[in-house]
């Protein structure tokens, strides 16, 4: 069963190497890679040319020089390369498979923020080598975020949504996409470092019965 959307925790600790030699979040990382693997399979199979759009949605600053949305505002969507430098993590520390996302052949490719970079790196870790669009958006215009989700659904996109409990816009995109932010199939683990709950959530193309084991559906 393929997956059309995956929600990841927006912590750099999800990326192997970000915590140095310390082993953290192995259980959560494995769940993320399993869900992303099914998303990648779906992206390769949906359209006649063998691919469906893959889009990372993450909290970030609103585009444009002026604060707040302008009339007709639409979130910027396009390629970007990953970097966790803003979180104090050098590219050289990262697992080599995941670190592919830190490099781009395109000249002047923008650098994604730390949250979006977690999504890009995780996709690379799951084996995705195709194009990825990045959308970073703030909470200034919830209707625009909802409309973006609806457009992505019509395009048959595959979404990787990076969750930050302080940001509402990614959940608005999910709602527009037809994936209720509080639903989906879940894997929950507790972070070794921060003593908090990390959640990986995914949405199947067709809702099956609840999977066994730690994953739950509600």
N, C-alpha and C. Protein backbone atom coordinates (compact mmCIF):
# COMPACT_ATOMS: atom_id res chain seq x y z
N UNK A 1 0.85 -1.18 0.00
CA UNK A 1 0.00 0.00 0.00
C UNK A 1 0.89 1.25 0.00
N UNK A 2 0.71 2.13 -0.96
CA UNK A 2 1.55 3.32 -1.04
C UNK A 2 1.01 4.43 -0.14
N UNK A 3 1.86 5.38 0.11
CA UNK A 3 1.58 6.48 1.03
C UNK A 3 1.62 7.79 0.26
N UNK A 4 0.68 8.69 0.54
CA UNK A 4 0.66 9.97 -0.17
C UNK A 4 1.14 11.13 0.67
N UNK A 5 1.23 10.98 1.98
CA UNK A 5 1.73 12.06 2.83
C UNK A 5 2.37 11.46 4.07
N UNK A 6 3.49 12.05 4.47
CA UNK A 6 4.20 11.64 5.69
C UNK A 6 4.46 12.90 6.50
N UNK A 7 4.19 12.83 7.79
CA UNK A 7 4.48 13.94 8.71
C UNK A 7 5.65 13.52 9.60
N UNK A 8 6.70 14.34 9.61
CA UNK A 8 7.90 14.04 10.37
C UNK A 8 8.09 15.05 11.49
N UNK A 9 8.72 14.65 12.59
CA UNK A 9 9.10 15.64 13.59
C UNK A 9 10.22 16.52 13.06
N UNK A 10 10.15 17.82 13.33
CA UNK A 10 11.10 18.75 12.74
C UNK A 10 12.38 18.91 13.52
N UNK A 11 12.88 17.85 14.14
CA UNK A 11 14.13 17.94 14.89
C UNK A 11 15.30 17.46 14.05
N UNK A 12 16.43 18.18 14.04
CA UNK A 12 17.61 17.69 13.33
C UNK A 12 18.10 16.34 13.85
N UNK A 13 17.73 15.98 15.10
CA UNK A 13 18.16 14.70 15.65
C UNK A 13 17.63 13.51 14.86
N UNK A 14 16.63 13.73 14.00
CA UNK A 14 16.15 12.66 13.14
C UNK A 14 17.21 12.24 12.13
N UNK A 15 18.13 13.13 11.81
CA UNK A 15 19.14 12.89 10.77
C UNK A 15 20.34 12.20 11.40
N UNK A 16 20.74 11.03 10.93
CA UNK A 16 21.89 10.35 11.53
C UNK A 16 23.16 11.17 11.34
N UNK A 17 23.90 11.32 12.42
CA UNK A 17 25.11 12.14 12.41
C UNK A 17 24.91 13.50 13.04
N UNK A 18 23.67 13.96 13.13
CA UNK A 18 23.41 15.29 13.69
C UNK A 18 23.75 15.34 15.17
N UNK A 19 23.70 14.21 15.85
CA UNK A 19 24.05 14.14 17.27
C UNK A 19 25.46 13.59 17.47
N UNK A 20 26.29 13.68 16.44
CA UNK A 20 27.64 13.14 16.53
C UNK A 20 27.61 11.62 16.57
N UNK A 21 28.41 11.06 17.45
CA UNK A 21 28.48 9.60 17.55
C UNK A 21 27.40 9.02 18.46
N UNK A 22 26.61 9.88 19.07
CA UNK A 22 25.56 9.41 19.98
C UNK A 22 24.38 8.85 19.18
N UNK A 23 23.84 7.74 19.62
CA UNK A 23 22.71 7.11 18.96
C UNK A 23 21.41 7.64 19.56
N UNK A 24 20.62 8.33 18.75
CA UNK A 24 19.34 8.87 19.21
C UNK A 24 18.26 8.64 18.16
N UNK A 25 17.03 8.51 18.61
CA UNK A 25 15.84 8.46 17.76
C UNK A 25 15.89 7.34 16.71
N UNK A 26 16.58 6.25 17.00
CA UNK A 26 16.65 5.16 16.01
C UNK A 26 15.27 4.62 15.66
N UNK A 27 14.43 4.46 16.67
CA UNK A 27 13.09 3.89 16.46
C UNK A 27 12.24 4.82 15.60
N UNK A 28 12.29 6.10 15.91
CA UNK A 28 11.52 7.08 15.14
C UNK A 28 12.05 7.20 13.71
N UNK A 29 13.36 7.17 13.58
CA UNK A 29 13.97 7.26 12.25
C UNK A 29 13.57 6.07 11.38
N UNK A 30 13.55 4.88 11.98
CA UNK A 30 13.16 3.69 11.22
C UNK A 30 11.71 3.80 10.74
N UNK A 31 10.83 4.32 11.59
CA UNK A 31 9.44 4.50 11.20
C UNK A 31 9.33 5.51 10.06
N UNK A 32 10.11 6.60 10.16
CA UNK A 32 10.08 7.61 9.11
C UNK A 32 10.55 7.04 7.78
N UNK A 33 11.63 6.28 7.80
CA UNK A 33 12.15 5.72 6.56
C UNK A 33 11.20 4.70 5.95
N UNK A 34 10.52 3.93 6.79
CA UNK A 34 9.56 2.96 6.27
C UNK A 34 8.40 3.66 5.59
N UNK A 35 7.87 4.72 6.22
CA UNK A 35 6.76 5.46 5.62
C UNK A 35 7.21 6.18 4.35
N UNK A 36 8.38 6.80 4.40
CA UNK A 36 8.88 7.51 3.22
C UNK A 36 9.18 6.55 2.08
N UNK A 37 9.60 5.34 2.39
CA UNK A 37 9.84 4.36 1.34
C UNK A 37 8.57 4.07 0.55
N UNK A 38 7.44 3.98 1.25
CA UNK A 38 6.16 3.76 0.56
C UNK A 38 5.72 5.01 -0.19
N UNK A 39 6.04 6.18 0.33
CA UNK A 39 5.74 7.41 -0.39
C UNK A 39 6.55 7.47 -1.70
N UNK A 40 7.82 7.13 -1.61
CA UNK A 40 8.68 7.11 -2.80
C UNK A 40 8.14 6.13 -3.84
N UNK A 41 7.71 4.96 -3.40
CA UNK A 41 7.14 3.98 -4.33
C UNK A 41 5.91 4.56 -5.04
N UNK A 42 5.06 5.25 -4.30
CA UNK A 42 3.89 5.86 -4.90
C UNK A 42 4.23 6.97 -5.86
N UNK A 43 5.25 7.77 -5.52
CA UNK A 43 5.66 8.86 -6.40
C UNK A 43 6.17 8.34 -7.74
N UNK A 44 6.81 7.21 -7.71
CA UNK A 44 7.37 6.64 -8.95
C UNK A 44 6.29 6.01 -9.82
N UNK A 45 5.17 5.63 -9.22
CA UNK A 45 4.19 4.83 -9.94
C UNK A 45 2.96 5.58 -10.43
N UNK A 46 2.71 6.80 -9.92
CA UNK A 46 1.40 7.43 -10.14
C UNK A 46 1.21 7.92 -11.55
N UNK A 47 2.11 8.70 -12.08
CA UNK A 47 1.89 9.36 -13.36
C UNK A 47 2.46 8.56 -14.52
N UNK A 48 2.02 8.90 -15.72
CA UNK A 48 2.45 8.18 -16.90
C UNK A 48 3.94 8.25 -17.14
N UNK A 49 4.59 9.35 -16.72
CA UNK A 49 6.04 9.46 -16.92
C UNK A 49 6.81 8.80 -15.79
N UNK A 50 6.11 8.14 -14.89
CA UNK A 50 6.78 7.40 -13.83
C UNK A 50 6.99 8.17 -12.55
N UNK A 51 6.57 9.43 -12.47
CA UNK A 51 6.78 10.21 -11.26
C UNK A 51 5.55 11.03 -10.92
N UNK A 52 5.41 11.35 -9.67
CA UNK A 52 4.43 12.32 -9.19
C UNK A 52 5.21 13.40 -8.46
N UNK A 53 4.70 14.62 -8.39
CA UNK A 53 5.43 15.67 -7.68
C UNK A 53 5.67 15.30 -6.21
N UNK A 54 6.88 15.53 -5.75
CA UNK A 54 7.22 15.32 -4.35
C UNK A 54 7.49 16.70 -3.75
N UNK A 55 6.80 17.03 -2.68
CA UNK A 55 6.86 18.38 -2.12
C UNK A 55 7.09 18.28 -0.61
N UNK A 56 8.09 19.01 -0.14
CA UNK A 56 8.34 19.15 1.29
C UNK A 56 7.68 20.44 1.76
N UNK A 57 6.84 20.34 2.76
CA UNK A 57 6.15 21.50 3.34
C UNK A 57 6.66 21.68 4.76
N UNK A 58 7.12 22.89 5.08
CA UNK A 58 7.69 23.12 6.40
C UNK A 58 7.44 24.55 6.84
N UNK A 59 7.43 24.79 8.15
CA UNK A 59 7.34 26.17 8.62
C UNK A 59 8.58 26.95 8.25
N UNK A 60 8.39 28.22 7.97
CA UNK A 60 9.50 29.08 7.59
C UNK A 60 9.02 30.49 7.39
N UNK A 61 9.91 31.40 7.03
CA UNK A 61 9.51 32.80 6.83
C UNK A 61 8.67 32.98 5.59
N UNK A 62 7.75 33.92 5.64
CA UNK A 62 6.94 34.25 4.46
C UNK A 62 7.83 34.85 3.39
N UNK A 63 7.64 34.52 2.10
CA UNK A 63 8.45 35.10 1.04
C UNK A 63 8.13 36.56 0.82
N UNK A 64 9.07 37.26 0.20
CA UNK A 64 8.82 38.66 -0.15
C UNK A 64 9.40 39.62 0.87
N UNK A 65 9.61 40.88 0.47
CA UNK A 65 10.26 41.84 1.35
C UNK A 65 9.37 42.38 2.45
N UNK A 66 8.07 42.33 2.28
CA UNK A 66 7.17 42.93 3.26
C UNK A 66 6.59 41.87 4.17
N UNK A 67 6.41 42.17 5.46
CA UNK A 67 5.80 41.19 6.34
C UNK A 67 4.33 40.99 6.01
N UNK A 68 3.87 39.76 6.20
CA UNK A 68 2.46 39.50 5.95
C UNK A 68 2.18 39.25 4.49
N UNK A 69 1.05 38.65 4.18
CA UNK A 69 0.73 38.30 2.79
C UNK A 69 0.24 39.51 2.01
N UNK A 70 0.64 39.58 0.76
CA UNK A 70 0.13 40.60 -0.15
C UNK A 70 -1.11 40.05 -0.85
N UNK A 71 -1.91 40.90 -1.50
CA UNK A 71 -3.06 40.39 -2.24
C UNK A 71 -2.63 39.36 -3.27
N UNK A 72 -3.33 38.26 -3.31
CA UNK A 72 -2.97 37.19 -4.24
C UNK A 72 -1.77 36.39 -3.80
N UNK A 73 -1.38 36.53 -2.54
CA UNK A 73 -0.21 35.83 -2.00
C UNK A 73 -0.32 34.33 -2.22
N UNK A 74 0.79 33.74 -2.67
CA UNK A 74 0.88 32.28 -2.78
C UNK A 74 2.26 31.88 -2.28
N UNK A 75 2.36 30.84 -1.46
CA UNK A 75 3.66 30.42 -0.97
C UNK A 75 4.60 30.06 -2.10
N UNK A 76 5.87 30.41 -1.95
CA UNK A 76 6.88 30.09 -2.95
C UNK A 76 7.16 28.59 -2.95
N UNK A 77 7.23 28.01 -4.13
CA UNK A 77 7.48 26.58 -4.29
C UNK A 77 8.59 26.38 -5.30
N UNK A 78 9.60 25.59 -4.93
CA UNK A 78 10.69 25.34 -5.85
C UNK A 78 11.77 24.48 -5.21
N UNK A 79 12.81 24.16 -5.97
CA UNK A 79 13.88 23.31 -5.44
C UNK A 79 14.72 24.06 -4.42
N UNK A 80 15.36 23.33 -3.55
CA UNK A 80 16.28 23.89 -2.56
C UNK A 80 17.21 22.77 -2.12
N UNK A 81 18.35 23.15 -1.60
CA UNK A 81 19.25 22.15 -1.04
C UNK A 81 19.19 22.21 0.48
N UNK A 82 19.47 21.08 1.09
CA UNK A 82 19.36 20.98 2.54
C UNK A 82 20.62 21.49 3.22
N UNK A 83 20.44 22.03 4.41
CA UNK A 83 21.55 22.39 5.28
C UNK A 83 21.04 22.50 6.71
N UNK A 84 21.78 21.91 7.63
CA UNK A 84 21.47 22.05 9.04
C UNK A 84 22.47 22.98 9.74
N UNK A 85 23.16 23.80 8.95
CA UNK A 85 24.14 24.72 9.51
C UNK A 85 23.50 25.68 10.51
N UNK A 86 22.25 26.09 10.23
CA UNK A 86 21.57 27.00 11.15
C UNK A 86 21.32 26.35 12.51
N UNK A 87 21.31 25.02 12.56
CA UNK A 87 21.14 24.30 13.81
C UNK A 87 22.49 23.87 14.39
N UNK A 88 23.58 24.36 13.79
CA UNK A 88 24.91 24.04 14.30
C UNK A 88 25.44 22.69 13.88
N UNK A 89 24.91 22.13 12.79
CA UNK A 89 25.32 20.80 12.32
C UNK A 89 25.97 20.94 10.95
N UNK A 90 27.22 20.55 10.84
CA UNK A 90 27.95 20.65 9.58
C UNK A 90 27.56 19.50 8.64
N UNK A 91 27.57 19.78 7.33
CA UNK A 91 27.25 18.74 6.34
C UNK A 91 28.13 17.52 6.50
N UNK A 92 29.40 17.72 6.84
CA UNK A 92 30.36 16.63 6.92
C UNK A 92 30.02 15.63 8.03
N UNK A 93 29.19 16.03 8.99
CA UNK A 93 28.84 15.12 10.08
C UNK A 93 27.75 14.14 9.70
N UNK A 94 27.03 14.41 8.62
CA UNK A 94 25.82 13.67 8.31
C UNK A 94 26.11 12.35 7.61
N UNK A 95 25.22 11.40 7.80
CA UNK A 95 25.28 10.14 7.07
C UNK A 95 25.37 10.43 5.57
N UNK A 96 26.25 9.70 4.87
CA UNK A 96 26.54 10.04 3.48
C UNK A 96 25.32 9.88 2.57
N UNK A 97 24.47 8.89 2.85
CA UNK A 97 23.27 8.72 2.01
C UNK A 97 22.33 9.90 2.17
N UNK A 98 22.08 10.30 3.40
CA UNK A 98 21.20 11.43 3.66
C UNK A 98 21.81 12.73 3.13
N UNK A 99 23.13 12.87 3.22
CA UNK A 99 23.80 14.12 2.88
C UNK A 99 23.74 14.45 1.39
N UNK A 100 23.28 13.51 0.57
CA UNK A 100 23.10 13.81 -0.86
C UNK A 100 22.22 15.05 -1.03
N UNK A 101 21.27 15.24 -0.13
CA UNK A 101 20.34 16.37 -0.23
C UNK A 101 21.01 17.72 0.05
N UNK A 102 22.25 17.70 0.56
CA UNK A 102 22.95 18.97 0.81
C UNK A 102 23.64 19.49 -0.43
N UNK A 103 23.62 18.70 -1.49
CA UNK A 103 24.30 19.11 -2.73
C UNK A 103 23.28 19.30 -3.84
N UNK A 104 23.52 20.26 -4.70
CA UNK A 104 22.63 20.53 -5.82
C UNK A 104 23.46 20.92 -7.03
N UNK A 105 23.08 20.36 -8.19
CA UNK A 105 23.77 20.71 -9.43
C UNK A 105 23.31 22.06 -9.96
N UNK A 106 22.17 22.53 -9.49
CA UNK A 106 21.62 23.79 -10.00
C UNK A 106 22.38 24.98 -9.43
N UNK A 107 22.74 25.90 -10.31
CA UNK A 107 23.43 27.10 -9.86
C UNK A 107 22.46 27.99 -9.09
N UNK A 108 22.95 28.58 -8.03
CA UNK A 108 22.15 29.50 -7.21
C UNK A 108 20.92 28.83 -6.59
N UNK A 109 20.99 27.54 -6.36
CA UNK A 109 19.87 26.87 -5.69
C UNK A 109 19.79 27.38 -4.26
N UNK A 110 18.62 27.82 -3.81
CA UNK A 110 18.53 28.35 -2.45
C UNK A 110 18.73 27.26 -1.40
N UNK A 111 19.10 27.70 -0.21
CA UNK A 111 19.28 26.78 0.91
C UNK A 111 17.99 26.76 1.72
N UNK A 112 17.47 25.58 1.99
CA UNK A 112 16.26 25.44 2.77
C UNK A 112 16.54 25.74 4.24
N UNK A 113 15.51 26.16 4.96
CA UNK A 113 15.63 26.32 6.39
C UNK A 113 15.82 24.98 7.08
N UNK A 114 16.11 25.02 8.38
CA UNK A 114 16.43 23.79 9.10
C UNK A 114 15.26 22.80 9.07
N UNK A 115 14.03 23.27 9.24
CA UNK A 115 12.89 22.35 9.26
C UNK A 115 12.71 21.67 7.91
N UNK A 116 12.70 22.46 6.83
CA UNK A 116 12.56 21.87 5.50
C UNK A 116 13.73 20.96 5.17
N UNK A 117 14.92 21.29 5.68
CA UNK A 117 16.10 20.47 5.42
C UNK A 117 15.95 19.08 6.03
N UNK A 118 15.31 18.98 7.19
CA UNK A 118 15.06 17.67 7.78
C UNK A 118 14.25 16.81 6.81
N UNK A 119 13.22 17.40 6.19
CA UNK A 119 12.42 16.67 5.21
C UNK A 119 13.21 16.26 3.99
N UNK A 120 14.03 17.16 3.46
CA UNK A 120 14.85 16.85 2.29
C UNK A 120 15.85 15.74 2.59
N UNK A 121 16.50 15.82 3.74
CA UNK A 121 17.49 14.82 4.12
C UNK A 121 16.83 13.45 4.32
N UNK A 122 15.65 13.44 4.94
CA UNK A 122 14.96 12.17 5.16
C UNK A 122 14.54 11.52 3.85
N UNK A 123 14.10 12.32 2.89
CA UNK A 123 13.76 11.77 1.58
C UNK A 123 14.98 11.13 0.93
N UNK A 124 16.12 11.80 1.01
CA UNK A 124 17.35 11.22 0.46
C UNK A 124 17.69 9.93 1.19
N UNK A 125 17.51 9.91 2.51
CA UNK A 125 17.78 8.70 3.28
C UNK A 125 16.88 7.55 2.88
N UNK A 126 15.67 7.88 2.40
CA UNK A 126 14.73 6.85 1.95
C UNK A 126 14.96 6.43 0.50
N UNK A 127 15.94 7.02 -0.15
CA UNK A 127 16.29 6.60 -1.50
C UNK A 127 15.72 7.42 -2.63
N UNK A 128 15.06 8.54 -2.31
CA UNK A 128 14.50 9.38 -3.37
C UNK A 128 15.60 10.20 -4.02
N UNK A 129 15.76 10.08 -5.34
CA UNK A 129 16.78 10.82 -6.08
C UNK A 129 16.18 11.78 -7.10
N UNK A 130 14.85 11.82 -7.16
CA UNK A 130 14.19 12.69 -8.12
C UNK A 130 14.06 14.11 -7.60
N UNK A 131 13.40 14.98 -8.38
CA UNK A 131 13.23 16.37 -7.97
C UNK A 131 12.30 16.50 -6.77
N UNK A 132 12.56 17.52 -5.98
CA UNK A 132 11.73 17.84 -4.81
C UNK A 132 11.48 19.34 -4.80
N UNK A 133 10.24 19.72 -4.65
CA UNK A 133 9.91 21.12 -4.41
C UNK A 133 9.80 21.35 -2.92
N UNK A 134 10.19 22.55 -2.49
CA UNK A 134 10.11 22.93 -1.09
C UNK A 134 9.17 24.11 -0.96
N UNK A 135 8.28 24.04 0.01
CA UNK A 135 7.40 25.16 0.35
C UNK A 135 7.63 25.47 1.83
N UNK A 136 8.12 26.68 2.12
CA UNK A 136 8.26 27.14 3.49
C UNK A 136 7.26 28.28 3.69
N UNK A 137 6.46 28.20 4.73
CA UNK A 137 5.41 29.19 4.90
C UNK A 137 5.17 29.45 6.38
N UNK A 138 4.78 30.70 6.67
CA UNK A 138 4.46 31.04 8.04
C UNK A 138 2.95 30.99 8.24
N UNK A 139 2.50 31.47 9.38
CA UNK A 139 1.08 31.37 9.71
C UNK A 139 0.29 32.61 9.30
N UNK A 140 0.85 33.44 8.39
CA UNK A 140 0.20 34.71 8.07
C UNK A 140 -1.10 34.54 7.31
N UNK A 141 -1.24 33.46 6.54
CA UNK A 141 -2.42 33.33 5.69
C UNK A 141 -2.85 31.86 5.65
N UNK A 142 -3.66 31.47 6.62
CA UNK A 142 -4.12 30.07 6.68
C UNK A 142 -4.93 29.67 5.46
N UNK A 143 -5.82 30.55 4.91
CA UNK A 143 -6.55 30.15 3.70
C UNK A 143 -5.61 29.85 2.53
N UNK A 144 -4.51 30.61 2.40
CA UNK A 144 -3.57 30.34 1.32
C UNK A 144 -2.90 28.99 1.51
N UNK A 145 -2.57 28.64 2.75
CA UNK A 145 -1.98 27.34 3.03
C UNK A 145 -2.96 26.21 2.72
N UNK A 146 -4.22 26.40 3.08
CA UNK A 146 -5.26 25.40 2.79
C UNK A 146 -5.43 25.24 1.28
N UNK A 147 -5.44 26.36 0.55
CA UNK A 147 -5.60 26.30 -0.90
C UNK A 147 -4.41 25.61 -1.56
N UNK A 148 -3.21 25.82 -1.01
CA UNK A 148 -2.03 25.12 -1.53
C UNK A 148 -2.20 23.62 -1.39
N UNK A 149 -2.67 23.17 -0.22
CA UNK A 149 -2.89 21.73 -0.04
C UNK A 149 -3.88 21.17 -1.04
N UNK A 150 -4.95 21.92 -1.32
CA UNK A 150 -5.94 21.46 -2.30
C UNK A 150 -5.33 21.36 -3.70
N UNK A 151 -4.49 22.34 -4.07
CA UNK A 151 -3.82 22.28 -5.38
C UNK A 151 -2.90 21.08 -5.47
N UNK A 152 -2.15 20.83 -4.42
CA UNK A 152 -1.23 19.69 -4.43
C UNK A 152 -1.99 18.37 -4.54
N UNK A 153 -3.16 18.29 -3.91
CA UNK A 153 -3.98 17.08 -4.02
C UNK A 153 -4.43 16.87 -5.46
N UNK A 154 -4.86 17.95 -6.11
CA UNK A 154 -5.30 17.82 -7.51
C UNK A 154 -4.15 17.40 -8.42
N UNK A 155 -2.93 17.77 -8.08
CA UNK A 155 -1.76 17.40 -8.89
C UNK A 155 -1.27 15.99 -8.61
N UNK A 156 -1.86 15.32 -7.64
CA UNK A 156 -1.40 13.98 -7.28
C UNK A 156 -0.07 13.97 -6.58
N UNK A 157 0.26 15.07 -5.89
CA UNK A 157 1.56 15.20 -5.24
C UNK A 157 1.71 14.23 -4.08
N UNK A 158 2.94 13.98 -3.72
CA UNK A 158 3.31 13.27 -2.50
C UNK A 158 3.92 14.30 -1.56
N UNK A 159 3.42 14.34 -0.32
CA UNK A 159 3.84 15.37 0.62
C UNK A 159 4.70 14.81 1.74
N UNK A 160 5.75 15.56 2.08
CA UNK A 160 6.49 15.35 3.31
C UNK A 160 6.31 16.62 4.13
N UNK A 161 5.58 16.50 5.22
CA UNK A 161 5.23 17.66 6.05
C UNK A 161 6.06 17.60 7.32
N UNK A 162 6.80 18.67 7.57
CA UNK A 162 7.66 18.74 8.75
C UNK A 162 6.90 19.47 9.85
N UNK A 163 6.68 18.77 10.95
CA UNK A 163 5.82 19.29 12.02
C UNK A 163 6.62 20.10 13.03
N UNK A 164 6.07 21.25 13.39
CA UNK A 164 6.56 22.07 14.49
C UNK A 164 5.33 22.48 15.28
N UNK A 165 5.26 22.13 16.56
CA UNK A 165 4.04 22.43 17.32
C UNK A 165 3.74 23.92 17.42
N UNK A 166 4.71 24.77 17.11
CA UNK A 166 4.49 26.22 17.18
C UNK A 166 3.89 26.77 15.89
N UNK A 167 3.81 25.97 14.83
CA UNK A 167 3.37 26.45 13.52
C UNK A 167 2.09 25.75 13.10
N UNK A 168 1.12 26.53 12.62
CA UNK A 168 -0.17 25.98 12.19
C UNK A 168 -0.26 25.78 10.69
N UNK A 169 0.57 26.49 9.91
CA UNK A 169 0.42 26.46 8.46
C UNK A 169 0.59 25.06 7.86
N UNK A 170 1.58 24.25 8.29
CA UNK A 170 1.67 22.90 7.70
C UNK A 170 0.40 22.08 7.91
N UNK A 171 -0.24 22.21 9.07
CA UNK A 171 -1.50 21.49 9.29
C UNK A 171 -2.60 22.00 8.36
N UNK A 172 -2.58 23.30 8.05
CA UNK A 172 -3.57 23.84 7.11
C UNK A 172 -3.36 23.25 5.72
N UNK A 173 -2.10 23.07 5.32
CA UNK A 173 -1.81 22.43 4.04
C UNK A 173 -2.34 20.99 4.05
N UNK A 174 -2.09 20.27 5.13
CA UNK A 174 -2.60 18.90 5.24
C UNK A 174 -4.11 18.85 5.13
N UNK A 175 -4.79 19.78 5.80
CA UNK A 175 -6.25 19.79 5.74
C UNK A 175 -6.73 20.03 4.32
N UNK A 176 -6.11 20.96 3.61
CA UNK A 176 -6.48 21.21 2.22
C UNK A 176 -6.18 20.03 1.33
N UNK A 177 -5.16 19.27 1.69
CA UNK A 177 -4.75 18.09 0.93
C UNK A 177 -5.73 16.93 1.13
N UNK A 178 -6.61 17.07 2.13
CA UNK A 178 -7.55 16.01 2.43
C UNK A 178 -7.03 15.00 3.41
N UNK A 179 -6.01 15.40 4.19
CA UNK A 179 -5.44 14.54 5.23
C UNK A 179 -5.62 15.26 6.56
N UNK A 180 -6.60 14.84 7.32
CA UNK A 180 -6.90 15.53 8.58
C UNK A 180 -5.67 15.54 9.47
N UNK A 181 -5.27 16.72 9.97
CA UNK A 181 -4.02 16.81 10.75
C UNK A 181 -3.96 15.89 11.96
N UNK A 182 -5.10 15.56 12.55
CA UNK A 182 -5.10 14.71 13.74
C UNK A 182 -5.36 13.24 13.44
N UNK A 183 -5.45 12.89 12.16
CA UNK A 183 -5.74 11.51 11.77
C UNK A 183 -4.47 10.85 11.23
N UNK A 184 -4.65 9.81 10.45
CA UNK A 184 -3.51 9.10 9.87
C UNK A 184 -3.05 7.95 10.76
N UNK A 185 -2.10 7.20 10.25
CA UNK A 185 -1.51 6.09 10.98
C UNK A 185 -0.26 6.60 11.66
N UNK A 186 0.00 6.15 12.89
CA UNK A 186 1.01 6.81 13.71
C UNK A 186 2.03 5.86 14.30
N UNK A 187 3.21 6.40 14.46
CA UNK A 187 4.25 5.77 15.27
C UNK A 187 4.70 6.84 16.25
N UNK A 188 4.77 6.51 17.51
CA UNK A 188 5.13 7.48 18.55
C UNK A 188 6.30 6.92 19.35
N UNK A 189 7.30 7.76 19.59
CA UNK A 189 8.44 7.36 20.41
C UNK A 189 8.85 8.54 21.28
N UNK A 190 9.63 8.27 22.31
CA UNK A 190 10.11 9.32 23.20
C UNK A 190 11.57 9.61 22.90
N UNK A 191 11.90 10.88 22.75
CA UNK A 191 13.27 11.27 22.44
C UNK A 191 14.21 11.02 23.60
N UNK A 192 15.37 10.46 23.28
CA UNK A 192 16.35 10.16 24.31
C UNK A 192 16.97 11.43 24.90
N UNK A 193 17.11 12.44 24.07
CA UNK A 193 17.76 13.67 24.51
C UNK A 193 16.78 14.62 25.20
N UNK A 194 15.67 14.87 24.56
CA UNK A 194 14.81 15.95 25.00
C UNK A 194 13.63 15.48 25.83
N UNK A 195 13.54 14.17 26.07
CA UNK A 195 12.45 13.61 26.87
C UNK A 195 11.09 14.12 26.41
N UNK A 196 10.87 14.02 25.13
CA UNK A 196 9.60 14.45 24.57
C UNK A 196 9.12 13.41 23.57
N UNK A 197 7.88 13.53 23.17
CA UNK A 197 7.30 12.57 22.24
C UNK A 197 7.60 13.00 20.81
N UNK A 198 8.08 12.05 20.03
CA UNK A 198 8.29 12.27 18.60
C UNK A 198 7.27 11.43 17.85
N UNK A 199 6.61 12.03 16.88
CA UNK A 199 5.55 11.33 16.16
C UNK A 199 5.83 11.33 14.66
N UNK A 200 5.72 10.16 14.07
CA UNK A 200 5.72 10.01 12.61
C UNK A 200 4.31 9.62 12.22
N UNK A 201 3.74 10.31 11.25
CA UNK A 201 2.36 10.06 10.84
C UNK A 201 2.33 9.88 9.33
N UNK A 202 1.50 8.98 8.85
CA UNK A 202 1.43 8.79 7.40
C UNK A 202 -0.01 8.52 6.98
N UNK A 203 -0.27 8.80 5.71
CA UNK A 203 -1.62 8.70 5.13
C UNK A 203 -1.54 7.84 3.88
N UNK A 204 -2.26 6.74 3.90
CA UNK A 204 -2.26 5.84 2.75
C UNK A 204 -3.12 6.41 1.61
N UNK A 205 -2.85 5.93 0.40
CA UNK A 205 -3.69 6.29 -0.74
C UNK A 205 -5.11 5.80 -0.53
N UNK A 206 -5.25 4.59 -0.01
CA UNK A 206 -6.57 4.05 0.35
C UNK A 206 -6.44 3.55 1.77
N UNK A 207 -7.32 4.02 2.66
CA UNK A 207 -7.19 3.68 4.07
C UNK A 207 -7.39 2.18 4.29
N UNK A 208 -6.35 1.49 4.80
CA UNK A 208 -6.49 0.07 5.11
C UNK A 208 -6.88 -0.11 6.57
N UNK A 209 -6.91 -1.37 6.99
CA UNK A 209 -7.10 -1.64 8.41
C UNK A 209 -5.88 -1.15 9.18
N UNK A 210 -6.07 -0.90 10.45
CA UNK A 210 -4.97 -0.41 11.28
C UNK A 210 -3.83 -1.41 11.28
N UNK A 211 -2.57 -0.93 11.07
CA UNK A 211 -1.43 -1.83 11.11
C UNK A 211 -1.18 -2.33 12.53
N UNK A 212 -0.51 -3.46 12.61
CA UNK A 212 -0.24 -4.03 13.92
C UNK A 212 0.98 -3.38 14.55
N UNK A 213 1.26 -3.74 15.78
CA UNK A 213 2.46 -3.27 16.44
C UNK A 213 2.25 -1.90 17.05
N UNK A 214 3.30 -1.07 17.00
CA UNK A 214 3.26 0.22 17.68
C UNK A 214 2.43 1.24 16.95
N UNK A 215 2.24 1.05 15.65
CA UNK A 215 1.48 2.01 14.89
C UNK A 215 0.01 1.93 15.27
N UNK A 216 -0.62 3.06 15.38
CA UNK A 216 -2.06 3.09 15.70
C UNK A 216 -2.76 4.02 14.74
N UNK A 217 -4.05 3.81 14.56
CA UNK A 217 -4.84 4.66 13.70
C UNK A 217 -5.99 5.25 14.49
N UNK A 218 -6.21 6.53 14.27
CA UNK A 218 -7.37 7.12 14.92
C UNK A 218 -7.84 8.35 14.16
